[in-house]
Amino acid sequence: MPDGAFLPFGSGKHKCIGDHFAMTEIATAIATLTRAWRLETVPGQSVRPVARATVRPGALLMTAGHRRA
Protein backbone atom coordinates (compact mmCIF):
# COMPACT_ATOMS: atom_id res chain seq x y z
CA MET A 1 0.00 0.00 0.00
CA PRO A 2 1.30 3.48 -0.78
CA ASP A 3 1.99 5.88 2.09
CA GLY A 4 -1.17 7.65 3.19
CA ALA A 5 -3.52 5.09 1.60
CA PHE A 6 -6.98 4.99 3.15
CA LEU A 7 -8.00 1.65 4.65
CA PRO A 8 -11.55 2.06 6.00
CA PHE A 9 -11.37 -0.97 8.33
CA GLY A 10 -7.63 -1.15 8.82
CA SER A 11 -5.47 -4.15 8.12
CA GLY A 12 -3.45 -6.83 9.86
CA LYS A 13 -3.43 -6.84 13.66
CA HIS A 14 -5.18 -3.44 13.70
CA LYS A 15 -8.17 -4.63 11.65
CA CYS A 16 -11.55 -3.46 12.91
CA ILE A 17 -13.53 -6.21 14.67
CA GLY A 18 -16.79 -4.81 13.28
CA ASP A 19 -15.89 -4.78 9.59
CA HIS A 20 -18.10 -7.76 8.66
CA PHE A 21 -21.03 -6.27 10.57
CA ALA A 22 -20.54 -2.89 8.86
CA MET A 23 -20.46 -4.47 5.38
CA THR A 24 -23.66 -6.42 6.14
CA GLU A 25 -25.29 -3.29 7.52
CA ILE A 26 -24.46 -1.22 4.40
CA ALA A 27 -25.76 -3.96 2.09
CA THR A 28 -29.03 -4.02 4.04
CA ALA A 29 -29.28 -0.21 3.98
CA ILE A 30 -28.68 -0.03 0.22
CA ALA A 31 -31.24 -2.79 -0.43
CA THR A 32 -33.82 -0.99 1.72
CA LEU A 33 -33.23 2.41 0.10
CA THR A 34 -33.27 1.12 -3.47
CA ARG A 35 -36.18 -1.31 -3.31
CA ALA A 36 -38.57 1.31 -4.69
CA TRP A 37 -36.41 2.00 -7.76
CA ARG A 38 -35.87 0.18 -11.05
CA LEU A 39 -32.90 0.69 -13.35
CA GLU A 40 -33.59 0.63 -17.09
CA THR A 41 -31.21 1.00 -20.00
CA VAL A 42 -31.34 4.20 -22.01
CA PRO A 43 -32.88 3.66 -25.48
CA GLY A 44 -30.18 2.57 -27.91
CA GLN A 45 -28.08 0.87 -25.22
CA SER A 46 -27.70 -2.90 -25.17
CA VAL A 47 -26.15 -5.40 -22.79
CA ARG A 48 -23.57 -7.65 -24.45
CA PRO A 49 -22.10 -10.70 -22.77
CA VAL A 50 -18.31 -10.86 -22.93
CA ALA A 51 -16.37 -14.05 -22.21
CA ARG A 52 -13.48 -13.10 -19.92
CA ALA A 53 -11.89 -14.42 -16.77
CA THR A 54 -12.75 -11.20 -14.91
CA VAL A 55 -15.70 -8.85 -15.14
CA ARG A 56 -14.89 -5.21 -15.78
CA PRO A 57 -17.45 -2.42 -15.79
CA GLY A 58 -18.09 -0.70 -19.07
CA ALA A 59 -20.19 2.29 -20.03
CA LEU A 60 -23.88 1.43 -19.84
CA LEU A 61 -26.19 4.41 -19.57
CA MET A 62 -29.21 3.77 -17.35
CA THR A 63 -32.10 5.72 -15.86
CA ALA A 64 -33.74 5.23 -12.49
CA GLY A 65 -37.51 5.13 -12.28
CA HIS A 66 -40.12 4.08 -9.74
CA ARG A 67 -40.73 0.35 -9.53
CA ARG A 68 -44.15 -0.57 -10.83
CA ALA A 69 -46.29 -2.64 -8.50
C-alpha atoms as a PDB file:
ATOM      1  CA  MET A   1       0.000   0.000   0.000  1.00  0.00           C
ATOM      2  CA  PRO A   2       1.296   3.482  -0.780  1.00  0.00           C
ATOM      3  CA  ASP A   3       1.992   5.881   2.088  1.00  0.00           C
ATOM      4  CA  GLY A   4      -1.170   7.652   3.186  1.00  0.00           C
ATOM      5  CA  ALA A   5      -3.518   5.086   1.596  1.00  0.00           C
ATOM      6  CA  PHE A   6      -6.984   4.994   3.146  1.00  0.00           C
ATOM      7  CA  LEU A   7      -7.999   1.650   4.654  1.00  0.00           C
ATOM      8  CA  PRO A   8     -11.549   2.059   5.996  1.00  0.00           C
ATOM      9  CA  PHE A   9     -11.375  -0.968   8.327  1.00  0.00           C
ATOM     10  CA  GLY A  10      -7.627  -1.148   8.822  1.00  0.00           C
ATOM     11  CA  SER A  11      -5.470  -4.149   8.124  1.00  0.00           C
ATOM     12  CA  GLY A  12      -3.454  -6.832   9.864  1.00  0.00           C
ATOM     13  CA  LYS A  13      -3.432  -6.837  13.659  1.00  0.00           C
ATOM     14  CA  HIS A  14      -5.177  -3.437  13.702  1.00  0.00           C
ATOM     15  CA  LYS A  15      -8.167  -4.625  11.646  1.00  0.00           C
ATOM     16  CA  CYS A  16     -11.549  -3.462  12.910  1.00  0.00           C
ATOM     17  CA  ILE A  17     -13.526  -6.212  14.669  1.00  0.00           C
ATOM     18  CA  GLY A  18     -16.793  -4.805  13.281  1.00  0.00           C
ATOM     19  CA  ASP A  19     -15.888  -4.781   9.589  1.00  0.00           C
ATOM     20  CA  HIS A  20     -18.098  -7.756   8.663  1.00  0.00           C
ATOM     21  CA  PHE A  21     -21.034  -6.268  10.568  1.00  0.00           C
ATOM     22  CA  ALA A  22     -20.536  -2.890   8.864  1.00  0.00           C
ATOM     23  CA  MET A  23     -20.463  -4.469   5.383  1.00  0.00           C
ATOM     24  CA  THR A  24     -23.660  -6.424   6.140  1.00  0.00           C
ATOM     25  CA  GLU A  25     -25.292  -3.286   7.515  1.00  0.00           C
ATOM     26  CA  ILE A  26     -24.462  -1.218   4.404  1.00  0.00           C
ATOM     27  CA  ALA A  27     -25.757  -3.955   2.089  1.00  0.00           C
ATOM     28  CA  THR A  28     -29.031  -4.019   4.043  1.00  0.00           C
ATOM     29  CA  ALA A  29     -29.279  -0.213   3.984  1.00  0.00           C
ATOM     30  CA  ILE A  30     -28.683  -0.028   0.219  1.00  0.00           C
ATOM     31  CA  ALA A  31     -31.245  -2.790  -0.433  1.00  0.00           C
ATOM     32  CA  THR A  32     -33.817  -0.986   1.723  1.00  0.00           C
ATOM     33  CA  LEU A  33     -33.231   2.406   0.098  1.00  0.00           C
ATOM     34  CA  THR A  34     -33.269   1.125  -3.475  1.00  0.00           C
ATOM     35  CA  ARG A  35     -36.181  -1.315  -3.305  1.00  0.00           C
ATOM     36  CA  ALA A  36     -38.572   1.307  -4.691  1.00  0.00           C
ATOM     37  CA  TRP A  37     -36.411   2.005  -7.764  1.00  0.00           C
ATOM     38  CA  ARG A  38     -35.871   0.183 -11.045  1.00  0.00           C
ATOM     39  CA  LEU A  39     -32.899   0.686 -13.354  1.00  0.00           C
ATOM     40  CA  GLU A  40     -33.591   0.634 -17.087  1.00  0.00           C
ATOM     41  CA  THR A  41     -31.206   1.003 -19.996  1.00  0.00           C
ATOM     42  CA  VAL A  42     -31.344   4.196 -22.012  1.00  0.00           C
ATOM     43  CA  PRO A  43     -32.883   3.659 -25.480  1.00  0.00           C
ATOM     44  CA  GLY A  44     -30.180   2.575 -27.912  1.00  0.00           C
ATOM     45  CA  GLN A  45     -28.077   0.865 -25.224  1.00  0.00           C
ATOM     46  CA  SER A  46     -27.698  -2.899 -25.172  1.00  0.00           C
ATOM     47  CA  VAL A  47     -26.151  -5.400 -22.788  1.00  0.00           C
ATOM     48  CA  ARG A  48     -23.575  -7.650 -24.449  1.00  0.00           C
ATOM     49  CA  PRO A  49     -22.102 -10.705 -22.767  1.00  0.00           C
ATOM     50  CA  VAL A  50     -18.312 -10.856 -22.935  1.00  0.00           C
ATOM     51  CA  ALA A  51     -16.374 -14.045 -22.208  1.00  0.00           C
ATOM     52  CA  ARG A  52     -13.479 -13.098 -19.924  1.00  0.00           C
ATOM     53  CA  ALA A  53     -11.892 -14.418 -16.773  1.00  0.00           C
ATOM     54  CA  THR A  54     -12.747 -11.202 -14.914  1.00  0.00           C
ATOM     55  CA  VAL A  55     -15.697  -8.853 -15.141  1.00  0.00           C
ATOM     56  CA  ARG A  56     -14.890  -5.214 -15.778  1.00  0.00           C
ATOM     57  CA  PRO A  57     -17.449  -2.418 -15.792  1.00  0.00           C
ATOM     58  CA  GLY A  58     -18.086  -0.697 -19.073  1.00  0.00           C
ATOM     59  CA  ALA A  59     -20.190   2.292 -20.027  1.00  0.00           C
ATOM     60  CA  LEU A  60     -23.875   1.430 -19.837  1.00  0.00           C
ATOM     61  CA  LEU A  61     -26.195   4.408 -19.567  1.00  0.00           C
ATOM     62  CA  MET A  62     -29.210   3.773 -17.352  1.00  0.00           C
ATOM     63  CA  THR A  63     -32.102   5.720 -15.865  1.00  0.00           C
ATOM     64  CA  ALA A  64     -33.736   5.231 -12.490  1.00  0.00           C
ATOM     65  CA  GLY A  65     -37.514   5.133 -12.279  1.00  0.00           C
ATOM     66  CA  HIS A  66     -40.115   4.081  -9.744  1.00  0.00           C
ATOM     67  CA  ARG A  67     -40.733   0.354  -9.531  1.00  0.00           C
ATOM     68  CA  ARG A  68     -44.151  -0.575 -10.828  1.00  0.00           C
ATOM     69  CA  ALA A  69     -46.293  -2.637  -8.503  1.00  0.00           C
END
